[in-house]
Amino acid sequence: MKKLCCALIALLPLTAFAYPIELEKQFNGAEVSATPQEIDHNMGAVMLYNYGQTDAHCTAIFRNGPEAPRTRKMVLAAGQSSNMTVKFARSIIKLRVQLTCGLK
């Protein structure tokens, strides 16, 4: 019985589970690709890539439960990629990101 219990414990994953990220996108004609990323237990990011021929103006609002929302803004040049990162005071349980991009 002890061997069976030890075998079951060994089969459990050793890595921590990632927190869920909800990404709400609104591109308004901008040709932008957005990928959410988990960096650490209290940090998250959205990687952006501009496929278009003109600059894109992007705004992201990051929400983590009861903490105040964090807003990040950037101008993404044509053909360039960049990250919007945020760090919270508490561990992230569920990260909600509202991303809005548009053309100049």
PDB file of N, CA and C in Angstrom:
ATOM      1  N   MET A   1       0.814  -1.186   0.000  1.00  0.00           N
ATOM      2  CA  MET A   1       0.000   0.000   0.000  1.00  0.00           C
ATOM      3  C   MET A   1       0.865   1.260   0.000  1.00  0.00           C
ATOM      4  N   LYS A   2       1.945   1.220   0.789  1.00  0.00           N
ATOM      5  CA  LYS A   2       2.827   2.376   0.842  1.00  0.00           C
ATOM      6  C   LYS A   2       3.491   2.624  -0.501  1.00  0.00           C
ATOM      7  N   LYS A   3       3.846   1.551  -1.196  1.00  0.00           N
ATOM      8  CA  LYS A   3       4.476   1.687  -2.514  1.00  0.00           C
ATOM      9  C   LYS A   3       3.506   2.299  -3.514  1.00  0.00           C
ATOM     10  N   LEU A   4       2.235   1.921  -3.430  1.00  0.00           N
ATOM     11  CA  LEU A   4       1.225   2.475  -4.326  1.00  0.00           C
ATOM     12  C   LEU A   4       1.029   3.963  -4.079  1.00  0.00           C
ATOM     13  N   CYS A   5       0.989   4.364  -2.823  1.00  0.00           N
ATOM     14  CA  CYS A   5       0.854   5.785  -2.472  1.00  0.00           C
ATOM     15  C   CYS A   5       2.066   6.585  -2.962  1.00  0.00           C
ATOM     16  N   CYS A   6       3.248   6.044  -2.793  1.00  0.00           N
ATOM     17  CA  CYS A   6       4.468   6.719  -3.257  1.00  0.00           C
ATOM     18  C   CYS A   6       4.463   6.865  -4.778  1.00  0.00           C
ATOM     19  N   ALA A   7       3.988   5.843  -5.466  1.00  0.00           N
ATOM     20  CA  ALA A   7       3.923   5.901  -6.926  1.00  0.00           C
ATOM     21  C   ALA A   7       2.931   6.964  -7.388  1.00  0.00           C
ATOM     22  N   LEU A   8       1.803   7.096  -6.728  1.00  0.00           N
ATOM     23  CA  LEU A   8       0.809   8.104  -7.083  1.00  0.00           C
ATOM     24  C   LEU A   8       1.333   9.517  -6.836  1.00  0.00           C
ATOM     25  N   ILE A   9       2.026   9.700  -5.745  1.00  0.00           N
ATOM     26  CA  ILE A   9       2.604  11.012  -5.449  1.00  0.00           C
ATOM     27  C   ILE A   9       3.675  11.361  -6.483  1.00  0.00           C
ATOM     28  N   ALA A  10       4.435  10.392  -6.920  1.00  0.00           N
ATOM     29  CA  ALA A  10       5.481  10.638  -7.918  1.00  0.00           C
ATOM     30  C   ALA A  10       4.883  11.029  -9.268  1.00  0.00           C
ATOM     31  N   LEU A  11       3.666  10.604  -9.539  1.00  0.00           N
ATOM     32  CA  LEU A  11       3.038  10.922 -10.813  1.00  0.00           C
ATOM     33  C   LEU A  11       2.426  12.326 -10.850  1.00  0.00           C
ATOM     34  N   LEU A  12       2.272  12.948  -9.690  1.00  0.00           N
ATOM     35  CA  LEU A  12       1.730  14.298  -9.660  1.00  0.00           C
ATOM     36  C   LEU A  12       2.695  15.262 -10.351  1.00  0.00           C
ATOM     37  N   PRO A  13       2.162  16.273 -11.022  1.00  0.00           N
ATOM     38  CA  PRO A  13       3.063  17.233 -11.685  1.00  0.00           C
ATOM     39  C   PRO A  13       3.862  18.021 -10.662  1.00  0.00           C
ATOM     40  N   LEU A  14       5.095  18.252 -10.983  1.00  0.00           N
ATOM     41  CA  LEU A  14       5.978  18.963 -10.065  1.00  0.00           C
ATOM     42  C   LEU A  14       5.961  20.464 -10.294  1.00  0.00           C
ATOM     43  N   THR A  15       5.414  20.920 -11.390  1.00  0.00           N
ATOM     44  CA  THR A  15       5.374  22.342 -11.673  1.00  0.00           C
ATOM     45  C   THR A  15       4.075  22.936 -11.166  1.00  0.00           C
ATOM     46  N   ALA A  16       4.121  24.206 -10.871  1.00  0.00           N
ATOM     47  CA  ALA A  16       2.910  24.903 -10.426  1.00  0.00           C
ATOM     48  C   ALA A  16       2.013  25.181 -11.630  1.00  0.00           C
ATOM     49  N   PHE A  17       0.732  25.203 -11.364  1.00  0.00           N
ATOM     50  CA  PHE A  17      -0.211  25.491 -12.435  1.00  0.00           C
ATOM     51  C   PHE A  17      -0.199  26.982 -12.739  1.00  0.00           C
ATOM     52  N   ALA A  18      -0.285  27.312 -14.012  1.00  0.00           N
ATOM     53  CA  ALA A  18      -0.313  28.706 -14.439  1.00  0.00           C
ATOM     54  C   ALA A  18      -1.690  29.295 -14.146  1.00  0.00           C
ATOM     55  N   TYR A  19      -1.717  30.590 -13.897  1.00  0.00           N
ATOM     56  CA  TYR A  19      -2.991  31.249 -13.680  1.00  0.00           C
ATOM     57  C   TYR A  19      -3.659  31.520 -15.030  1.00  0.00           C
ATOM     58  N   PRO A  20      -4.997  31.545 -15.060  1.00  0.00           N
ATOM     59  CA  PRO A  20      -5.692  31.798 -16.327  1.00  0.00           C
ATOM     60  C   PRO A  20      -5.602  33.270 -16.724  1.00  0.00           C
ATOM     61  N   ILE A  21      -5.520  33.507 -18.018  1.00  0.00           N
ATOM     62  CA  ILE A  21      -5.472  34.867 -18.560  1.00  0.00           C
ATOM     63  C   ILE A  21      -6.594  35.010 -19.574  1.00  0.00           C
ATOM     64  N   GLU A  22      -7.438  36.012 -19.370  1.00  0.00           N
ATOM     65  CA  GLU A  22      -8.493  36.340 -20.327  1.00  0.00           C
ATOM     66  C   GLU A  22      -8.054  37.577 -21.093  1.00  0.00           C
ATOM     67  N   LEU A  23      -7.996  37.473 -22.412  1.00  0.00           N
ATOM     68  CA  LEU A  23      -7.584  38.589 -23.261  1.00  0.00           C
ATOM     69  C   LEU A  23      -8.754  38.989 -24.140  1.00  0.00           C
ATOM     70  N   GLU A  24      -9.238  40.209 -23.946  1.00  0.00           N
ATOM     71  CA  GLU A  24     -10.315  40.765 -24.762  1.00  0.00           C
ATOM     72  C   GLU A  24      -9.672  41.745 -25.740  1.00  0.00           C
ATOM     73  N   LYS A  25      -9.804  41.476 -27.044  1.00  0.00           N
ATOM     74  CA  LYS A  25      -9.110  42.263 -28.066  1.00  0.00           C
ATOM     75  C   LYS A  25     -10.110  43.061 -28.901  1.00  0.00           C
ATOM     76  N   GLN A  26      -9.721  44.286 -29.224  1.00  0.00           N
ATOM     77  CA  GLN A  26     -10.473  45.120 -30.162  1.00  0.00           C
ATOM     78  C   GLN A  26      -9.437  45.886 -30.976  1.00  0.00           C
ATOM     79  N   PHE A  27      -9.316  45.536 -32.267  1.00  0.00           N
ATOM     80  CA  PHE A  27      -8.216  46.080 -33.066  1.00  0.00           C
ATOM     81  C   PHE A  27      -8.585  47.294 -33.920  1.00  0.00           C
ATOM     82  N   ASN A  28      -9.835  47.544 -34.211  1.00  0.00           N
ATOM     83  CA  ASN A  28     -10.277  48.745 -34.929  1.00  0.00           C
ATOM     84  C   ASN A  28      -9.481  49.002 -36.206  1.00  0.00           C
ATOM     85  N   GLY A  29      -9.269  47.995 -37.004  1.00  0.00           N
ATOM     86  CA  GLY A  29      -8.571  48.146 -38.284  1.00  0.00           C
ATOM     87  C   GLY A  29      -7.068  47.965 -38.228  1.00  0.00           C
ATOM     88  N   ALA A  30      -6.493  47.912 -37.032  1.00  0.00           N
ATOM     89  CA  ALA A  30      -5.046  47.702 -36.903  1.00  0.00           C
ATOM     90  C   ALA A  30      -4.742  46.220 -37.115  1.00  0.00           C
ATOM     91  N   GLU A  31      -3.645  45.944 -37.794  1.00  0.00           N
ATOM     92  CA  GLU A  31      -3.223  44.565 -38.047  1.00  0.00           C
ATOM     93  C   GLU A  31      -2.196  44.171 -36.982  1.00  0.00           C
ATOM     94  N   VAL A  32      -2.707  43.806 -35.817  1.00  0.00           N
ATOM     95  CA  VAL A  32      -1.862  43.522 -34.655  1.00  0.00           C
ATOM     96  C   VAL A  32      -2.170  42.115 -34.148  1.00  0.00           C
ATOM     97  N   SER A  33      -1.124  41.415 -33.750  1.00  0.00           N
ATOM     98  CA  SER A  33      -1.256  40.111 -33.116  1.00  0.00           C
ATOM     99  C   SER A  33      -0.943  40.279 -31.636  1.00  0.00           C
ATOM    100  N   ALA A  34      -1.764  39.656 -30.767  1.00  0.00           N
ATOM    101  CA  ALA A  34      -1.569  39.774 -29.322  1.00  0.00           C
ATOM    102  C   ALA A  34      -1.540  38.392 -28.687  1.00  0.00           C
ATOM    103  N   THR A  35      -0.537  38.170 -27.828  1.00  0.00           N
ATOM    104  CA  THR A  35      -0.376  36.897 -27.131  1.00  0.00           C
ATOM    105  C   THR A  35      -0.158  37.168 -25.642  1.00  0.00           C
ATOM    106  N   PRO A  36      -1.052  36.674 -24.772  1.00  0.00           N
ATOM    107  CA  PRO A  36      -0.834  36.872 -23.328  1.00  0.00           C
ATOM    108  C   PRO A  36       0.262  35.951 -22.815  1.00  0.00           C
ATOM    109  N   GLN A  37       0.981  36.415 -21.783  1.00  0.00           N
ATOM    110  CA  GLN A  37       2.084  35.639 -21.234  1.00  0.00           C
ATOM    111  C   GLN A  37       2.107  35.751 -19.714  1.00  0.00           C
ATOM    112  N   GLU A  38       2.451  34.657 -19.047  1.00  0.00           N
ATOM    113  CA  GLU A  38       2.672  34.653 -17.608  1.00  0.00           C
ATOM    114  C   GLU A  38       4.176  34.763 -17.384  1.00  0.00           C
ATOM    115  N   ILE A  39       4.591  35.745 -16.603  1.00  0.00           N
ATOM    116  CA  ILE A  39       6.011  35.933 -16.338  1.00  0.00           C
ATOM    117  C   ILE A  39       6.383  35.373 -14.964  1.00  0.00           C
ATOM    118  N   ASP A  40       5.602  35.737 -13.958  1.00  0.00           N
ATOM    119  CA  ASP A  40       5.850  35.297 -12.588  1.00  0.00           C
ATOM    120  C   ASP A  40       4.510  35.214 -11.867  1.00  0.00           C
ATOM    121  N   HIS A  41       4.535  34.863 -10.593  1.00  0.00           N
ATOM    122  CA  HIS A  41       3.276  34.721  -9.850  1.00  0.00           C
ATOM    123  C   HIS A  41       2.535  36.047  -9.714  1.00  0.00           C
ATOM    124  N   ASN A  42       3.233  37.175  -9.819  1.00  0.00           N
ATOM    125  CA  ASN A  42       2.590  38.478  -9.703  1.00  0.00           C
ATOM    126  C   ASN A  42       2.845  39.380 -10.916  1.00  0.00           C
ATOM    127  N   MET A  43       3.348  38.815 -12.006  1.00  0.00           N
ATOM    128  CA  MET A  43       3.626  39.594 -13.219  1.00  0.00           C
ATOM    129  C   MET A  43       2.999  38.929 -14.445  1.00  0.00           C
ATOM    130  N   GLY A  44       2.465  39.754 -15.323  1.00  0.00           N
ATOM    131  CA  GLY A  44       1.894  39.268 -16.575  1.00  0.00           C
ATOM    132  C   GLY A  44       2.278  40.201 -17.709  1.00  0.00           C
ATOM    133  N   ALA A  45       2.060  39.757 -18.935  1.00  0.00           N
ATOM    134  CA  ALA A  45       2.421  40.562 -20.093  1.00  0.00           C
ATOM    135  C   ALA A  45       1.542  40.207 -21.281  1.00  0.00           C
ATOM    136  N   VAL A  46       1.525  41.108 -22.241  1.00  0.00           N
ATOM    137  CA  VAL A  46       0.904  40.858 -23.531  1.00  0.00           C
ATOM    138  C   VAL A  46       1.952  41.198 -24.584  1.00  0.00           C
ATOM    139  N   MET A  47       2.298  40.223 -25.427  1.00  0.00           N
ATOM    140  CA  MET A  47       3.256  40.456 -26.500  1.00  0.00           C
ATOM    141  C   MET A  47       2.484  40.889 -27.739  1.00  0.00           C
ATOM    142  N   LEU A  48       2.867  42.021 -28.315  1.00  0.00           N
ATOM    143  CA  LEU A  48       2.195  42.579 -29.481  1.00  0.00           C
ATOM    144  C   LEU A  48       3.126  42.582 -30.680  1.00  0.00           C
ATOM    145  N   TYR A  49       2.565  42.310 -31.861  1.00  0.00           N
ATOM    146  CA  TYR A  49       3.315  42.398 -33.111  1.00  0.00           C
ATOM    147  C   TYR A  49       2.441  43.110 -34.128  1.00  0.00           C
ATOM    148  N   ASN A  50       2.979  44.135 -34.753  1.00  0.00           N
ATOM    149  CA  ASN A  50       2.243  44.927 -35.740  1.00  0.00           C
ATOM    150  C   ASN A  50       2.578  44.432 -37.145  1.00  0.00           C
ATOM    151  N   TYR A  51       1.605  43.778 -37.795  1.00  0.00           N
ATOM    152  CA  TYR A  51       1.777  43.289 -39.161  1.00  0.00           C
ATOM    153  C   TYR A  51       1.490  44.354 -40.204  1.00  0.00           C
ATOM    154  N   GLY A  52       0.883  45.454 -39.813  1.00  0.00           N
ATOM    155  CA  GLY A  52       0.433  46.480 -40.756  1.00  0.00           C
ATOM    156  C   GLY A  52       1.560  47.354 -41.286  1.00  0.00           C
ATOM    157  N   GLN A  53       1.165  48.266 -42.167  1.00  0.00           N
ATOM    158  CA  GLN A  53       2.104  49.201 -42.792  1.00  0.00           C
ATOM    159  C   GLN A  53       2.152  50.546 -42.066  1.00  0.00           C
ATOM    160  N   THR A  54       1.258  50.766 -41.097  1.00  0.00           N
ATOM    161  CA  THR A  54       1.232  52.020 -40.349  1.00  0.00           C
ATOM    162  C   THR A  54       1.347  51.732 -38.855  1.00  0.00           C
ATOM    163  N   ASP A  55       1.681  52.770 -38.105  1.00  0.00           N
ATOM    164  CA  ASP A  55       1.810  52.630 -36.656  1.00  0.00           C
ATOM    165  C   ASP A  55       0.452  52.326 -36.026  1.00  0.00           C
ATOM    166  N   ALA A  56       0.472  51.565 -34.955  1.00  0.00           N
ATOM    167  CA  ALA A  56      -0.739  51.240 -34.210  1.00  0.00           C
ATOM    168  C   ALA A  56      -0.610  51.785 -32.792  1.00  0.00           C
ATOM    169  N   HIS A  57      -1.673  52.420 -32.314  1.00  0.00           N
ATOM    170  CA  HIS A  57      -1.722  52.932 -30.951  1.00  0.00           C
ATOM    171  C   HIS A  57      -2.504  51.932 -30.110  1.00  0.00           C
ATOM    172  N   CYS A  58      -1.878  51.392 -29.082  1.00  0.00           N
ATOM    173  CA  CYS A  58      -2.502  50.336 -28.282  1.00  0.00           C
ATOM    174  C   CYS A  58      -2.584  50.748 -26.810  1.00  0.00           C
ATOM    175  N   THR A  59      -3.690  50.366 -26.183  1.00  0.00           N
ATOM    176  CA  THR A  59      -3.914  50.586 -24.762  1.00  0.00           C
ATOM    177  C   THR A  59      -4.371  49.272 -24.155  1.00  0.00           C
ATOM    178  N   ALA A  60      -3.740  48.878 -23.058  1.00  0.00           N
ATOM    179  CA  ALA A  60      -4.118  47.653 -22.362  1.00  0.00           C
ATOM    180  C   ALA A  60      -4.457  47.983 -20.920  1.00  0.00           C
ATOM    181  N   ILE A  61      -5.569  47.426 -20.453  1.00  0.00           N
ATOM    182  CA  ILE A  61      -5.976  47.577 -19.061  1.00  0.00           C
ATOM    183  C   ILE A  61      -5.888  46.195 -18.422  1.00  0.00           C
ATOM    184  N   PHE A  62      -5.009  46.059 -17.431  1.00  0.00           N
ATOM    185  CA  PHE A  62      -4.776  44.799 -16.735  1.00  0.00           C
ATOM    186  C   PHE A  62      -5.547  44.813 -15.422  1.00  0.00           C
ATOM    187  N   ARG A  63      -6.329  43.767 -15.163  1.00  0.00           N
ATOM    188  CA  ARG A  63      -7.105  43.657 -13.928  1.00  0.00           C
ATOM    189  C   ARG A  63      -6.764  42.352 -13.207  1.00  0.00           C
ATOM    190  N   ASN A  64      -6.533  42.477 -11.895  1.00  0.00           N
ATOM    191  CA  ASN A  64      -6.263  41.309 -11.052  1.00  0.00           C
ATOM    192  C   ASN A  64      -7.090  41.439  -9.781  1.00  0.00           C
ATOM    193  N   GLY A  65      -8.294  40.947  -9.815  1.00  0.00           N
ATOM    194  CA  GLY A  65      -9.145  40.924  -8.631  1.00  0.00           C
ATOM    195  C   GLY A  65      -9.369  42.284  -8.009  1.00  0.00           C
ATOM    196  N   PRO A  66      -9.157  42.396  -6.688  1.00  0.00           N
ATOM    197  CA  PRO A  66      -9.506  43.640  -5.983  1.00  0.00           C
ATOM    198  C   PRO A  66      -8.508  44.786  -6.172  1.00  0.00           C
ATOM    199  N   GLU A  67      -7.368  44.529  -6.766  1.00  0.00           N
ATOM    200  CA  GLU A  67      -6.382  45.604  -6.957  1.00  0.00           C
ATOM    201  C   GLU A  67      -6.849  46.583  -8.025  1.00  0.00           C
ATOM    202  N   ALA A  68      -6.325  47.783  -7.962  1.00  0.00           N
ATOM    203  CA  ALA A  68      -6.663  48.807  -8.948  1.00  0.00           C
ATOM    204  C   ALA A  68      -6.159  48.376 -10.332  1.00  0.00           C
ATOM    205  N   PRO A  69      -6.955  48.622 -11.377  1.00  0.00           N
ATOM    206  CA  PRO A  69      -6.510  48.258 -12.733  1.00  0.00           C
ATOM    207  C   PRO A  69      -5.257  49.051 -13.121  1.00  0.00           C
ATOM    208  N   ARG A  70      -4.390  48.418 -13.877  1.00  0.00           N
ATOM    209  CA  ARG A  70      -3.169  49.064 -14.379  1.00  0.00           C
ATOM    210  C   ARG A  70      -3.338  49.284 -15.878  1.00  0.00           C
ATOM    211  N   THR A  71      -3.032  50.479 -16.358  1.00  0.00           N
ATOM    212  CA  THR A  71      -3.166  50.822 -17.775  1.00  0.00           C
ATOM    213  C   THR A  71      -1.782  51.025 -18.375  1.00  0.00           C
ATOM    214  N   ARG A  72      -1.571  50.437 -19.534  1.00  0.00           N
ATOM    215  CA  ARG A  72      -0.326  50.606 -20.286  1.00  0.00           C
ATOM    216  C   ARG A  72      -0.678  51.068 -21.694  1.00  0.00           C
ATOM    217  N   LYS A  73       0.076  52.056 -22.208  1.00  0.00           N
ATOM    218  CA  LYS A  73      -0.154  52.577 -23.555  1.00  0.00           C
ATOM    219  C   LYS A  73       1.148  52.536 -24.325  1.00  0.00           C
ATOM    220  N   MET A  74       1.040  52.327 -25.641  1.00  0.00           N
ATOM    221  CA  MET A  74       2.232  52.341 -26.485  1.00  0.00           C
ATOM    222  C   MET A  74       1.858  52.597 -27.930  1.00  0.00           C
ATOM    223  N   VAL A  75       2.821  53.107 -28.673  1.00  0.00           N
ATOM    224  CA  VAL A  75       2.709  53.225 -30.122  1.00  0.00           C
ATOM    225  C   VAL A  75       3.610  52.157 -30.700  1.00  0.00           C
ATOM    226  N   LEU A  76       3.009  51.251 -31.464  1.00  0.00           N
ATOM    227  CA  LEU A  76       3.742  50.125 -32.031  1.00  0.00           C
ATOM    228  C   LEU A  76       4.009  50.419 -33.503  1.00  0.00           C
ATOM    229  N   ALA A  77       5.279  50.595 -33.853  1.00  0.00           N
ATOM    230  CA  ALA A  77       5.652  50.918 -35.228  1.00  0.00           C
ATOM    231  C   ALA A  77       5.370  49.735 -36.148  1.00  0.00           C
ATOM    232  N   ALA A  78       5.207  50.024 -37.416  1.00  0.00           N
ATOM    233  CA  ALA A  78       4.926  48.988 -38.416  1.00  0.00           C
ATOM    234  C   ALA A  78       6.056  47.963 -38.443  1.00  0.00           C
ATOM    235  N   GLY A  79       5.694  46.682 -38.388  1.00  0.00           N
ATOM    236  CA  GLY A  79       6.678  45.605 -38.448  1.00  0.00           C
ATOM    237  C   GLY A  79       7.426  45.342 -37.151  1.00  0.00           C
ATOM    238  N   GLN A  80       7.067  46.009 -36.083  1.00  0.00           N
ATOM    239  CA  GLN A  80       7.786  45.860 -34.821  1.00  0.00           C
ATOM    240  C   GLN A  80       6.977  45.030 -33.826  1.00  0.00           C
ATOM    241  N   SER A  81       7.665  44.502 -32.822  1.00  0.00           N
ATOM    242  CA  SER A  81       6.994  43.783 -31.738  1.00  0.00           C
ATOM    243  C   SER A  81       7.463  44.376 -30.410  1.00  0.00           C
ATOM    244  N   SER A  82       6.602  44.241 -29.412  1.00  0.00           N
ATOM    245  CA  SER A  82       6.933  44.769 -28.093  1.00  0.00           C
ATOM    246  C   SER A  82       6.052  44.091 -27.046  1.00  0.00           C
ATOM    247  N   ASN A  83       6.436  44.226 -25.785  1.00  0.00           N
ATOM    248  CA  ASN A  83       5.674  43.665 -24.674  1.00  0.00           C
ATOM    249  C   ASN A  83       5.099  44.775 -23.817  1.00  0.00           C
ATOM    250  N   MET A  84       3.879  44.561 -23.347  1.00  0.00           N
ATOM    251  CA  MET A  84       3.281  45.401 -22.314  1.00  0.00           C
ATOM    252  C   MET A  84       3.278  44.543 -21.052  1.00  0.00           C
ATOM    253  N   THR A  85       3.984  44.981 -20.033  1.00  0.00           N
ATOM    254  CA  THR A  85       4.086  44.178 -18.817  1.00  0.00           C
ATOM    255  C   THR A  85       3.453  44.910 -17.647  1.00  0.00           C
ATOM    256  N   VAL A  86       3.072  44.130 -16.646  1.00  0.00           N
ATOM    257  CA  VAL A  86       2.482  44.704 -15.441  1.00  0.00           C
ATOM    258  C   VAL A  86       2.890  43.847 -14.247  1.00  0.00           C
ATOM    259  N   LYS A  87       3.091  44.518 -13.112  1.00  0.00           N
ATOM    260  CA  LYS A  87       3.421  43.810 -11.883  1.00  0.00           C
ATOM    261  C   LYS A  87       2.422  44.240 -10.815  1.00  0.00           C
ATOM    262  N   PHE A  88       1.846  43.261 -10.145  1.00  0.00           N
ATOM    263  CA  PHE A  88       0.889  43.525  -9.087  1.00  0.00           C
ATOM    264  C   PHE A  88       1.532  43.269  -7.729  1.00  0.00           C
ATOM    265  N   ALA A  89       0.928  43.821  -6.679  1.00  0.00           N
ATOM    266  CA  ALA A  89       1.438  43.636  -5.322  1.00  0.00           C
ATOM    267  C   ALA A  89       1.134  42.227  -4.806  1.00  0.00           C
ATOM    268  N   ARG A  90       0.037  41.625  -5.288  1.00  0.00           N
ATOM    269  CA  ARG A  90      -0.366  40.296  -4.840  1.00  0.00           C
ATOM    270  C   ARG A  90      -0.170  39.275  -5.948  1.00  0.00           C
ATOM    271  N   SER A  91      -0.199  38.017  -5.581  1.00  0.00           N
ATOM    272  CA  SER A  91      -0.141  36.949  -6.587  1.00  0.00           C
ATOM    273  C   SER A  91      -1.392  37.004  -7.454  1.00  0.00           C
ATOM    274  N   ILE A  92      -1.212  36.743  -8.733  1.00  0.00           N
ATOM    275  CA  ILE A  92      -2.325  36.776  -9.677  1.00  0.00           C
ATOM    276  C   ILE A  92      -3.082  35.455  -9.583  1.00  0.00           C
ATOM    277  N   ILE A  93      -4.382  35.554  -9.418  1.00  0.00           N
ATOM    278  CA  ILE A  93      -5.239  34.378  -9.430  1.00  0.00           C
ATOM    279  C   ILE A  93      -5.836  34.216 -10.829  1.00  0.00           C
ATOM    280  N   LYS A  94      -6.341  35.321 -11.382  1.00  0.00           N
ATOM    281  CA  LYS A  94      -6.882  35.336 -12.735  1.00  0.00           C
ATOM    282  C   LYS A  94      -6.628  36.727 -13.301  1.00  0.00           C
ATOM    283  N   LEU A  95      -5.938  36.808 -14.414  1.00  0.00           N
ATOM    284  CA  LEU A  95      -5.592  38.080 -15.032  1.00  0.00           C
ATOM    285  C   LEU A  95      -6.550  38.357 -16.185  1.00  0.00           C
ATOM    286  N   ARG A  96      -7.164  39.533 -16.164  1.00  0.00           N
ATOM    287  CA  ARG A  96      -8.053  39.960 -17.243  1.00  0.00           C
ATOM    288  C   ARG A  96      -7.410  41.148 -17.935  1.00  0.00           C
ATOM    289  N   VAL A  97      -7.278  41.060 -19.269  1.00  0.00           N
ATOM    290  CA  VAL A  97      -6.652  42.117 -20.049  1.00  0.00           C
ATOM    291  C   VAL A  97      -7.618  42.589 -21.115  1.00  0.00           C
ATOM    292  N   GLN A  98      -7.856  43.903 -21.158  1.00  0.00           N
ATOM    293  CA  GLN A  98      -8.683  44.499 -22.202  1.00  0.00           C
ATOM    294  C   GLN A  98      -7.748  45.314 -23.097  1.00  0.00           C
ATOM    295  N   LEU A  99      -7.554  44.836 -24.329  1.00  0.00           N
ATOM    296  CA  LEU A  99      -6.605  45.444 -25.260  1.00  0.00           C
ATOM    297  C   LEU A  99      -7.379  46.151 -26.372  1.00  0.00           C
ATOM    298  N   THR A 100      -7.045  47.411 -26.608  1.00  0.00           N
ATOM    299  CA  THR A 100      -7.655  48.188 -27.681  1.00  0.00           C
ATOM    300  C   THR A 100      -6.532  48.795 -28.512  1.00  0.00           C
ATOM    301  N   CYS A 101      -6.543  48.511 -29.823  1.00  0.00           N
ATOM    302  CA  CYS A 101      -5.552  49.081 -30.730  1.00  0.00           C
ATOM    303  C   CYS A 101      -6.280  49.764 -31.880  1.00  0.00           C
ATOM    304  N   GLY A 102      -5.648  50.777 -32.426  1.00  0.00           N
ATOM    305  CA  GLY A 102      -6.214  51.491 -33.555  1.00  0.00           C
ATOM    306  C   GLY A 102      -5.127  52.131 -34.381  1.00  0.00           C
ATOM    307  N   LEU A 103      -5.504  52.595 -35.552  1.00  0.00           N
ATOM    308  CA  LEU A 103      -4.572  53.269 -36.441  1.00  0.00           C
ATOM    309  C   LEU A 103      -4.527  54.750 -36.090  1.00  0.00           C
ATOM    310  N   LYS A 104      -3.435  55.389 -36.425  1.00  0.00           N
ATOM    311  CA  LYS A 104      -3.278  56.813 -36.144  1.00  0.00           C
ATOM    312  C   LYS A 104      -4.170  57.638 -37.005  1.00  0.00           C
TER     313      LYS A 104
END
